[in-house]
Amino acid sequence: MNTAHAMDAAAFVEPRTPVYAWGQRVVALDDLVNDGSHPEREPEALLATRGDVGEVVNIGHASDINEPVYLVDFGGCVVGCLEVELAPLPAGWVPVEEAAE
């Protein structure tokens, strides 16, 4: 067996299927702070608060950890999130700011 070919085959892992879909509303499970990857905010700046509702606006993939990465718009701040940082918006749940309108 060709060793280079065996290494290439072992290195390829099928990307994991995303749980959330474009346009889906989700809730932040924790405070989300800038880890330095958000260029428009200071490092350690609060990007979204636990319980904030956002909408998935794009889905990418972090190949180094084989995880989907979701771009979530939390009302003016678009944040890259992993699945463990999000939950689907419960049916019938209306965020406080929408209930006040």
N, C-alpha and C. Protein backbone atom coordinates (compact mmCIF):
# COMPACT_ATOMS: atom_id res chain seq x y z
N MET A 1 0.85 -1.18 0.00
CA MET A 1 0.00 0.00 0.00
C MET A 1 0.88 1.24 0.00
N ASN A 2 0.50 2.19 -0.78
CA ASN A 2 1.23 3.45 -0.85
C ASN A 2 1.00 4.22 0.45
N THR A 3 2.07 4.49 1.19
CA THR A 3 1.97 5.14 2.50
C THR A 3 1.38 6.54 2.39
N ALA A 4 1.77 7.31 1.36
CA ALA A 4 1.24 8.67 1.19
C ALA A 4 -0.26 8.62 0.96
N HIS A 5 -0.72 7.65 0.16
CA HIS A 5 -2.16 7.52 -0.10
C HIS A 5 -2.92 7.15 1.17
N ALA A 6 -2.36 6.25 1.98
CA ALA A 6 -3.00 5.85 3.23
C ALA A 6 -3.11 7.03 4.18
N MET A 7 -2.10 7.88 4.23
CA MET A 7 -2.14 9.06 5.11
C MET A 7 -3.19 10.05 4.64
N ASP A 8 -3.31 10.24 3.30
CA ASP A 8 -4.32 11.15 2.77
C ASP A 8 -5.72 10.67 3.10
N ALA A 9 -5.96 9.37 2.96
CA ALA A 9 -7.28 8.80 3.24
C ALA A 9 -7.61 8.92 4.72
N ALA A 10 -6.63 8.72 5.58
CA ALA A 10 -6.87 8.82 7.03
C ALA A 10 -7.11 10.26 7.45
N ALA A 11 -6.50 11.21 6.74
CA ALA A 11 -6.63 12.61 7.11
C ALA A 11 -8.00 13.18 6.71
N PHE A 12 -8.65 12.59 5.71
CA PHE A 12 -9.93 13.11 5.26
C PHE A 12 -11.05 12.58 6.14
N VAL A 13 -11.76 13.48 6.76
CA VAL A 13 -12.91 13.13 7.58
C VAL A 13 -14.10 13.89 7.02
N GLU A 14 -15.17 13.19 6.79
CA GLU A 14 -16.39 13.84 6.27
C GLU A 14 -16.85 14.92 7.25
N PRO A 15 -17.11 16.15 6.75
CA PRO A 15 -17.59 17.20 7.65
C PRO A 15 -18.88 16.79 8.36
N ARG A 16 -18.97 17.11 9.63
CA ARG A 16 -20.15 16.79 10.42
C ARG A 16 -21.33 17.65 9.97
N THR A 17 -22.49 17.05 9.89
CA THR A 17 -23.70 17.74 9.45
C THR A 17 -24.14 18.75 10.51
N PRO A 18 -24.42 20.00 10.10
CA PRO A 18 -24.88 21.01 11.06
C PRO A 18 -26.24 20.64 11.66
N VAL A 19 -26.44 21.01 12.92
CA VAL A 19 -27.71 20.79 13.61
C VAL A 19 -28.69 21.92 13.28
N TYR A 20 -28.17 23.14 13.17
CA TYR A 20 -29.01 24.30 12.90
C TYR A 20 -28.96 24.67 11.42
N ALA A 21 -30.00 25.36 10.95
CA ALA A 21 -30.11 25.73 9.54
C ALA A 21 -30.07 27.24 9.37
N TRP A 22 -29.74 27.67 8.16
CA TRP A 22 -29.78 29.10 7.86
C TRP A 22 -31.19 29.62 8.15
N GLY A 23 -31.26 30.79 8.77
CA GLY A 23 -32.55 31.40 9.08
C GLY A 23 -33.17 30.93 10.37
N GLN A 24 -32.61 29.90 10.99
CA GLN A 24 -33.16 29.39 12.25
C GLN A 24 -32.84 30.33 13.39
N ARG A 25 -33.80 30.53 14.27
CA ARG A 25 -33.58 31.37 15.45
C ARG A 25 -33.05 30.50 16.58
N VAL A 26 -32.03 31.02 17.24
CA VAL A 26 -31.34 30.28 18.30
C VAL A 26 -31.14 31.20 19.50
N VAL A 27 -30.79 30.59 20.63
CA VAL A 27 -30.56 31.32 21.88
C VAL A 27 -29.13 31.07 22.34
N ALA A 28 -28.45 32.13 22.80
CA ALA A 28 -27.11 31.97 23.36
C ALA A 28 -27.23 31.30 24.73
N LEU A 29 -26.48 30.21 24.93
CA LEU A 29 -26.54 29.49 26.20
C LEU A 29 -25.63 30.09 27.26
N ASP A 30 -24.72 30.95 26.86
CA ASP A 30 -23.78 31.59 27.78
C ASP A 30 -23.47 32.97 27.25
N ASP A 31 -22.83 33.80 28.08
CA ASP A 31 -22.31 35.06 27.58
C ASP A 31 -21.24 34.74 26.54
N LEU A 32 -21.30 35.40 25.40
CA LEU A 32 -20.32 35.19 24.34
C LEU A 32 -19.40 36.39 24.30
N VAL A 33 -18.11 36.15 24.52
CA VAL A 33 -17.13 37.24 24.54
C VAL A 33 -16.17 37.08 23.37
N ASN A 34 -15.59 38.19 22.97
CA ASN A 34 -14.66 38.20 21.85
C ASN A 34 -13.36 37.51 22.24
N ASP A 35 -13.06 36.44 21.54
CA ASP A 35 -11.81 35.72 21.79
C ASP A 35 -10.68 36.29 20.95
N GLY A 36 -10.94 37.44 20.33
CA GLY A 36 -9.94 38.07 19.47
C GLY A 36 -10.26 37.88 17.99
N SER A 37 -11.24 37.04 17.69
CA SER A 37 -11.57 36.76 16.29
C SER A 37 -12.58 37.75 15.70
N HIS A 38 -13.20 38.57 16.53
CA HIS A 38 -14.16 39.57 16.03
C HIS A 38 -13.41 40.88 15.86
N PRO A 39 -13.13 41.28 14.60
CA PRO A 39 -12.26 42.43 14.37
C PRO A 39 -12.83 43.79 14.77
N GLU A 40 -14.15 43.89 14.89
CA GLU A 40 -14.76 45.18 15.19
C GLU A 40 -14.95 45.44 16.68
N ARG A 41 -14.59 44.49 17.51
CA ARG A 41 -14.76 44.62 18.96
C ARG A 41 -13.44 44.36 19.67
N GLU A 42 -13.30 44.95 20.84
CA GLU A 42 -12.10 44.74 21.66
C GLU A 42 -12.05 43.29 22.14
N PRO A 43 -10.84 42.75 22.32
CA PRO A 43 -10.74 41.41 22.92
C PRO A 43 -11.44 41.39 24.29
N GLU A 44 -12.13 40.32 24.56
CA GLU A 44 -12.89 40.10 25.80
C GLU A 44 -14.18 40.93 25.88
N ALA A 45 -14.53 41.67 24.82
CA ALA A 45 -15.78 42.44 24.80
C ALA A 45 -16.97 41.48 24.74
N LEU A 46 -18.04 41.84 25.42
CA LEU A 46 -19.26 41.04 25.41
C LEU A 46 -19.95 41.20 24.05
N LEU A 47 -20.17 40.09 23.35
CA LEU A 47 -20.79 40.11 22.02
C LEU A 47 -22.27 39.76 22.08
N ALA A 48 -22.63 38.86 22.98
CA ALA A 48 -24.02 38.47 23.18
C ALA A 48 -24.14 37.96 24.62
N THR A 49 -25.28 38.23 25.22
CA THR A 49 -25.53 37.83 26.60
C THR A 49 -26.32 36.53 26.62
N ARG A 50 -26.09 35.73 27.65
CA ARG A 50 -26.86 34.50 27.82
C ARG A 50 -28.35 34.81 27.70
N GLY A 51 -29.04 34.04 26.86
CA GLY A 51 -30.47 34.25 26.65
C GLY A 51 -30.80 35.13 25.45
N ASP A 52 -29.79 35.80 24.87
CA ASP A 52 -30.04 36.61 23.67
C ASP A 52 -30.48 35.70 22.53
N VAL A 53 -31.42 36.21 21.74
CA VAL A 53 -31.93 35.47 20.59
C VAL A 53 -31.24 36.00 19.34
N GLY A 54 -30.82 35.08 18.48
CA GLY A 54 -30.19 35.46 17.22
C GLY A 54 -30.71 34.59 16.09
N GLU A 55 -30.25 34.91 14.89
CA GLU A 55 -30.64 34.15 13.71
C GLU A 55 -29.39 33.67 12.99
N VAL A 56 -29.37 32.40 12.62
CA VAL A 56 -28.24 31.84 11.87
C VAL A 56 -28.25 32.45 10.47
N VAL A 57 -27.15 33.15 10.12
CA VAL A 57 -27.07 33.81 8.82
C VAL A 57 -26.05 33.16 7.89
N ASN A 58 -25.26 32.22 8.41
CA ASN A 58 -24.32 31.49 7.58
C ASN A 58 -23.80 30.30 8.37
N ILE A 59 -23.33 29.29 7.67
CA ILE A 59 -22.77 28.11 8.33
C ILE A 59 -21.46 27.76 7.64
N GLY A 60 -20.42 27.64 8.45
CA GLY A 60 -19.11 27.22 7.95
C GLY A 60 -18.69 25.95 8.63
N HIS A 61 -17.40 25.65 8.54
CA HIS A 61 -16.89 24.42 9.13
C HIS A 61 -15.48 24.65 9.63
N ALA A 62 -15.22 24.27 10.88
CA ALA A 62 -13.87 24.31 11.45
C ALA A 62 -13.27 22.92 11.25
N SER A 63 -12.42 22.78 10.25
CA SER A 63 -11.90 21.46 9.91
C SER A 63 -10.99 20.88 10.98
N ASP A 64 -10.31 21.75 11.74
CA ASP A 64 -9.40 21.24 12.77
C ASP A 64 -10.13 20.51 13.89
N ILE A 65 -11.40 20.85 14.13
CA ILE A 65 -12.18 20.18 15.17
C ILE A 65 -13.40 19.45 14.60
N ASN A 66 -13.54 19.48 13.26
CA ASN A 66 -14.65 18.86 12.54
C ASN A 66 -16.00 19.24 13.15
N GLU A 67 -16.19 20.55 13.30
CA GLU A 67 -17.43 21.09 13.88
C GLU A 67 -18.00 22.18 12.97
N PRO A 68 -19.32 22.23 12.83
CA PRO A 68 -19.92 23.36 12.13
C PRO A 68 -19.70 24.64 12.95
N VAL A 69 -19.53 25.76 12.26
CA VAL A 69 -19.43 27.06 12.90
C VAL A 69 -20.57 27.90 12.33
N TYR A 70 -21.37 28.45 13.22
CA TYR A 70 -22.54 29.22 12.81
C TYR A 70 -22.26 30.70 12.98
N LEU A 71 -22.57 31.49 11.93
CA LEU A 71 -22.56 32.94 12.09
C LEU A 71 -23.97 33.31 12.51
N VAL A 72 -24.09 33.88 13.69
CA VAL A 72 -25.39 34.20 14.26
C VAL A 72 -25.49 35.71 14.45
N ASP A 73 -26.55 36.29 13.90
CA ASP A 73 -26.80 37.73 14.05
C ASP A 73 -27.63 37.93 15.31
N PHE A 74 -26.98 38.52 16.32
CA PHE A 74 -27.66 38.83 17.58
C PHE A 74 -28.08 40.30 17.58
N GLY A 75 -28.75 40.73 16.53
CA GLY A 75 -29.27 42.09 16.46
C GLY A 75 -28.19 43.14 16.30
N GLY A 76 -27.39 43.00 15.27
CA GLY A 76 -26.37 44.01 15.01
C GLY A 76 -24.96 43.52 15.24
N CYS A 77 -24.80 42.44 15.95
CA CYS A 77 -23.48 41.86 16.17
C CYS A 77 -23.52 40.41 15.67
N VAL A 78 -22.75 40.14 14.62
CA VAL A 78 -22.70 38.80 14.07
C VAL A 78 -21.54 38.07 14.74
N VAL A 79 -21.85 36.91 15.33
CA VAL A 79 -20.89 36.17 16.14
C VAL A 79 -20.73 34.75 15.60
N GLY A 80 -19.50 34.28 15.54
CA GLY A 80 -19.23 32.89 15.19
C GLY A 80 -19.45 32.02 16.41
N CYS A 81 -20.30 31.00 16.30
CA CYS A 81 -20.65 30.16 17.45
C CYS A 81 -20.53 28.68 17.11
N LEU A 82 -20.20 27.89 18.12
CA LEU A 82 -20.24 26.45 18.01
C LEU A 82 -21.59 25.96 18.54
N GLU A 83 -21.95 24.72 18.21
CA GLU A 83 -23.24 24.18 18.65
C GLU A 83 -23.41 24.19 20.15
N VAL A 84 -22.34 23.95 20.90
CA VAL A 84 -22.45 23.90 22.36
C VAL A 84 -22.78 25.26 22.96
N GLU A 85 -22.67 26.33 22.17
CA GLU A 85 -22.97 27.68 22.66
C GLU A 85 -24.39 28.12 22.34
N LEU A 86 -25.15 27.26 21.64
CA LEU A 86 -26.47 27.63 21.17
C LEU A 86 -27.52 26.59 21.53
N ALA A 87 -28.78 27.04 21.52
CA ALA A 87 -29.93 26.14 21.65
C ALA A 87 -31.00 26.65 20.70
N PRO A 88 -31.84 25.76 20.19
CA PRO A 88 -32.93 26.24 19.33
C PRO A 88 -33.90 27.09 20.14
N LEU A 89 -34.47 28.09 19.50
CA LEU A 89 -35.47 28.93 20.16
C LEU A 89 -36.69 28.07 20.47
N PRO A 90 -37.08 27.98 21.74
CA PRO A 90 -38.26 27.16 22.08
C PRO A 90 -39.53 27.68 21.40
N ALA A 91 -40.38 26.79 20.96
CA ALA A 91 -41.64 27.17 20.32
C ALA A 91 -42.46 28.04 21.25
N GLY A 92 -42.96 29.14 20.72
CA GLY A 92 -43.81 30.04 21.50
C GLY A 92 -43.07 31.04 22.36
N TRP A 93 -41.74 30.93 22.43
CA TRP A 93 -40.97 31.85 23.27
C TRP A 93 -40.78 33.17 22.54
N VAL A 94 -41.16 34.26 23.17
CA VAL A 94 -41.02 35.59 22.59
C VAL A 94 -39.99 36.35 23.42
N PRO A 95 -38.89 36.79 22.79
CA PRO A 95 -37.90 37.57 23.53
C PRO A 95 -38.52 38.83 24.12
N VAL A 96 -37.99 39.30 25.24
CA VAL A 96 -38.52 40.46 25.96
C VAL A 96 -38.70 41.67 25.05
N GLU A 97 -37.67 41.99 24.22
CA GLU A 97 -37.77 43.18 23.38
C GLU A 97 -38.88 43.07 22.35
N GLU A 98 -39.19 41.86 21.84
CA GLU A 98 -40.28 41.68 20.89
C GLU A 98 -41.63 41.75 21.60
N ALA A 99 -41.72 41.28 22.82
CA ALA A 99 -42.97 41.30 23.57
C ALA A 99 -43.38 42.73 23.90
N ALA A 100 -42.41 43.64 24.05
CA ALA A 100 -42.69 45.02 24.40
C ALA A 100 -43.23 45.82 23.23
N GLU A 101 -43.03 45.33 22.00
CA GLU A 101 -43.45 46.10 20.82
C GLU A 101 -44.92 46.10 20.61
